[in-house]
N, C-alpha and C. Protein backbone atom coordinates (compact mmCIF):
# COMPACT_ATOMS: atom_id res chain seq x y z
N MET A 1 296.73 242.79 82.54
CA MET A 1 298.15 242.96 82.77
C MET A 1 298.34 243.85 84.00
N SER A 2 299.14 243.39 84.93
CA SER A 2 299.35 244.15 86.15
C SER A 2 300.28 245.33 85.89
N ALA A 3 300.28 246.24 86.82
CA ALA A 3 301.13 247.42 86.68
C ALA A 3 302.60 247.04 86.70
N MET A 4 302.92 246.02 87.50
CA MET A 4 304.32 245.59 87.60
C MET A 4 304.79 244.98 86.28
N THR A 5 303.94 244.19 85.64
CA THR A 5 304.29 243.58 84.36
C THR A 5 304.47 244.65 83.29
N LYS A 6 303.59 245.62 83.29
CA LYS A 6 303.68 246.70 82.31
C LYS A 6 304.96 247.51 82.51
N LYS A 7 305.30 247.74 83.78
CA LYS A 7 306.51 248.48 84.09
C LYS A 7 307.75 247.71 83.63
N ALA A 8 307.75 246.39 83.81
CA ALA A 8 308.88 245.56 83.40
C ALA A 8 309.02 245.55 81.88
N LYS A 9 307.91 245.53 81.15
CA LYS A 9 307.99 245.54 79.69
C LYS A 9 308.53 246.87 79.19
N ASN A 10 308.15 247.96 79.84
CA ASN A 10 308.65 249.27 79.42
C ASN A 10 310.12 249.46 79.77
N PHE A 11 310.61 248.72 80.77
CA PHE A 11 312.02 248.82 81.16
C PHE A 11 312.92 248.34 80.04
N LYS A 12 312.50 247.32 79.31
CA LYS A 12 313.31 246.80 78.20
C LYS A 12 313.53 247.85 77.12
N LYS A 13 312.58 248.73 76.95
CA LYS A 13 312.68 249.74 75.89
C LYS A 13 313.21 251.07 76.40
N SER A 14 313.66 251.12 77.65
CA SER A 14 314.21 252.35 78.19
C SER A 14 315.72 252.37 78.00
N LYS A 15 316.30 253.54 78.20
CA LYS A 15 317.76 253.66 78.08
C LYS A 15 318.45 252.79 79.12
N THR A 16 317.93 252.80 80.32
CA THR A 16 318.53 251.99 81.38
C THR A 16 318.48 250.51 81.02
N GLY A 17 317.35 250.08 80.51
CA GLY A 17 317.21 248.69 80.10
C GLY A 17 318.18 248.30 79.01
N LEU A 18 318.38 249.21 78.07
CA LEU A 18 319.33 248.93 76.99
C LEU A 18 320.76 248.88 77.51
N TYR A 19 321.09 249.76 78.44
CA TYR A 19 322.43 249.73 79.03
C TYR A 19 322.66 248.43 79.79
N VAL A 20 321.65 247.98 80.53
CA VAL A 20 321.77 246.72 81.26
C VAL A 20 321.93 245.56 80.28
N SER A 21 321.17 245.57 79.19
CA SER A 21 321.29 244.52 78.18
C SER A 21 322.67 244.52 77.54
N MET A 22 323.19 245.71 77.26
CA MET A 22 324.52 245.80 76.66
C MET A 22 325.59 245.28 77.63
N ALA A 23 325.44 245.61 78.91
CA ALA A 23 326.42 245.16 79.90
C ALA A 23 326.39 243.64 80.05
N THR A 24 325.21 243.05 80.09
CA THR A 24 325.14 241.60 80.24
C THR A 24 325.63 240.89 79.00
N THR A 25 325.38 241.47 77.84
CA THR A 25 325.88 240.89 76.60
C THR A 25 327.40 240.97 76.56
N ALA A 26 327.95 242.12 76.95
CA ALA A 26 329.40 242.27 76.97
C ALA A 26 330.03 241.35 78.01
N PHE A 27 329.33 241.11 79.11
CA PHE A 27 329.83 240.19 80.14
C PHE A 27 329.95 238.78 79.57
N GLY A 28 329.08 238.42 78.64
CA GLY A 28 329.17 237.12 77.98
C GLY A 28 330.44 236.97 77.16
N ALA A 29 331.02 238.09 76.76
CA ALA A 29 332.26 238.04 75.99
C ALA A 29 333.40 237.46 76.83
N LEU A 30 333.35 237.65 78.14
CA LEU A 30 334.39 237.07 79.00
C LEU A 30 334.36 235.55 78.94
N SER A 31 333.17 235.00 78.95
CA SER A 31 333.01 233.55 78.85
C SER A 31 333.51 233.03 77.51
N VAL A 32 333.22 233.75 76.45
CA VAL A 32 333.68 233.35 75.12
C VAL A 32 335.20 233.43 75.03
N ALA A 33 335.79 234.44 75.66
CA ALA A 33 337.25 234.57 75.64
C ALA A 33 337.90 233.41 76.38
N LYS A 34 337.31 233.01 77.51
CA LYS A 34 337.83 231.85 78.24
C LYS A 34 337.71 230.58 77.39
N GLN A 35 336.57 230.45 76.71
CA GLN A 35 336.34 229.28 75.87
C GLN A 35 337.37 229.23 74.74
N ALA A 36 337.65 230.36 74.13
CA ALA A 36 338.62 230.40 73.03
C ALA A 36 340.02 230.09 73.53
N LYS A 37 340.36 230.62 74.69
CA LYS A 37 341.69 230.36 75.25
C LYS A 37 341.87 228.87 75.56
N LEU A 38 340.85 228.27 76.13
CA LEU A 38 340.91 226.84 76.45
C LEU A 38 340.99 226.01 75.16
N ALA A 39 340.22 226.42 74.15
CA ALA A 39 340.23 225.68 72.88
C ALA A 39 341.60 225.75 72.21
N ARG A 40 342.23 226.93 72.29
CA ARG A 40 343.56 227.07 71.70
C ARG A 40 344.60 226.22 72.43
N SER A 41 344.48 226.19 73.75
CA SER A 41 345.47 225.42 74.51
C SER A 41 345.29 223.91 74.31
N ASP A 42 344.04 223.47 74.06
CA ASP A 42 343.77 222.05 73.82
C ASP A 42 343.84 221.67 72.34
N ASN A 43 344.09 222.63 71.47
CA ASN A 43 344.07 222.42 70.02
C ASN A 43 342.74 221.81 69.57
N ASP A 44 341.65 222.31 70.12
CA ASP A 44 340.31 221.82 69.80
C ASP A 44 339.67 222.75 68.77
N THR A 45 339.69 222.33 67.53
CA THR A 45 339.19 223.17 66.44
C THR A 45 337.69 223.42 66.54
N LEU A 46 336.95 222.40 66.91
CA LEU A 46 335.49 222.55 66.99
C LEU A 46 335.10 223.55 68.08
N ARG A 47 335.76 223.50 69.21
CA ARG A 47 335.48 224.44 70.29
C ARG A 47 335.89 225.85 69.89
N LEU A 48 336.96 225.96 69.13
CA LEU A 48 337.42 227.27 68.66
C LEU A 48 336.42 227.87 67.67
N ILE A 49 335.86 227.05 66.81
CA ILE A 49 334.82 227.52 65.88
C ILE A 49 333.60 227.96 66.66
N ASP A 50 333.23 227.19 67.69
CA ASP A 50 332.08 227.56 68.52
C ASP A 50 332.31 228.91 69.20
N ALA A 51 333.52 229.14 69.68
CA ALA A 51 333.85 230.42 70.32
C ALA A 51 333.78 231.56 69.31
N ALA A 52 334.23 231.32 68.09
CA ALA A 52 334.18 232.36 67.05
C ALA A 52 332.74 232.71 66.69
N VAL A 53 331.89 231.70 66.58
CA VAL A 53 330.49 231.94 66.26
C VAL A 53 329.81 232.68 67.41
N SER A 54 330.14 232.30 68.63
CA SER A 54 329.57 232.98 69.80
C SER A 54 330.03 234.43 69.85
N ALA A 55 331.28 234.68 69.52
CA ALA A 55 331.79 236.05 69.50
C ALA A 55 331.08 236.89 68.45
N ALA A 56 330.81 236.29 67.30
CA ALA A 56 330.07 237.00 66.26
C ALA A 56 328.65 237.32 66.72
N ALA A 57 328.03 236.39 67.45
CA ALA A 57 326.69 236.63 67.96
C ALA A 57 326.69 237.76 68.99
N ILE A 58 327.70 237.80 69.82
CA ILE A 58 327.81 238.87 70.81
C ILE A 58 328.02 240.22 70.12
N ALA A 59 328.88 240.24 69.11
CA ALA A 59 329.14 241.49 68.38
C ALA A 59 327.89 242.00 67.69
N SER A 60 327.14 241.11 67.05
CA SER A 60 325.93 241.56 66.37
C SER A 60 324.86 241.97 67.39
N GLY A 61 324.81 241.28 68.53
CA GLY A 61 323.85 241.67 69.58
C GLY A 61 324.15 243.04 70.13
N LEU A 62 325.42 243.33 70.36
CA LEU A 62 325.80 244.66 70.83
C LEU A 62 325.50 245.73 69.78
N ALA A 63 325.70 245.41 68.50
CA ALA A 63 325.40 246.37 67.44
C ALA A 63 323.91 246.67 67.38
N ILE A 64 323.09 245.66 67.56
CA ILE A 64 321.63 245.87 67.55
C ILE A 64 321.21 246.72 68.75
N LEU A 65 321.76 246.41 69.92
CA LEU A 65 321.42 247.20 71.11
C LEU A 65 321.89 248.65 70.97
N TYR A 66 323.06 248.85 70.37
CA TYR A 66 323.55 250.21 70.14
C TYR A 66 322.62 250.97 69.19
N ARG A 67 322.16 250.28 68.15
CA ARG A 67 321.23 250.91 67.21
C ARG A 67 319.94 251.32 67.92
N GLU A 68 319.42 250.45 68.79
CA GLU A 68 318.21 250.78 69.54
C GLU A 68 318.45 251.97 70.46
N LEU A 69 319.62 252.03 71.05
CA LEU A 69 319.96 253.16 71.92
C LEU A 69 320.01 254.45 71.12
N LYS A 70 320.56 254.38 69.92
CA LYS A 70 320.58 255.58 69.06
C LYS A 70 319.17 256.00 68.67
N ARG A 71 318.28 255.03 68.42
CA ARG A 71 316.91 255.36 68.08
C ARG A 71 316.20 256.05 69.22
N LEU A 72 316.46 255.59 70.44
CA LEU A 72 315.86 256.26 71.59
C LEU A 72 316.39 257.69 71.70
N GLY A 73 317.67 257.88 71.40
CA GLY A 73 318.27 259.19 71.46
C GLY A 73 317.75 260.13 70.39
N ASP A 74 317.33 259.59 69.24
CA ASP A 74 316.81 260.43 68.17
C ASP A 74 315.50 261.10 68.55
N ASP A 75 314.75 260.47 69.45
CA ASP A 75 313.48 261.06 69.88
C ASP A 75 313.68 262.20 70.87
N ASP A 76 314.83 262.24 71.50
CA ASP A 76 315.11 263.25 72.52
C ASP A 76 315.64 264.51 71.85
N VAL A 77 314.98 265.63 72.08
CA VAL A 77 315.37 266.90 71.45
C VAL A 77 316.70 267.37 71.98
N LEU A 78 316.97 267.15 73.26
CA LEU A 78 318.21 267.63 73.87
C LEU A 78 319.44 266.88 73.41
N LEU A 79 319.27 265.62 73.01
CA LEU A 79 320.41 264.82 72.57
C LEU A 79 320.82 265.11 71.14
N GLY A 80 319.97 265.74 70.40
CA GLY A 80 320.30 266.10 69.03
C GLY A 80 319.94 265.02 68.13
């Protein structure tokens, strides 16, 4: 394993990596909001259900990332 690969794997478990993951996940919420708005205007029930399921996936993904962020904070003495 090269040093660059090892560094990239450790980035995912860092605070910065978690913040980037949270931001990209939250950015996906904009797409879901557009999808829901379009589905409502077209009266497309199936697309609206898809948007609701996608929104639930985004919410649970953000909750998991937040939990991981809290776990990283628990190891830090200064954060309490």
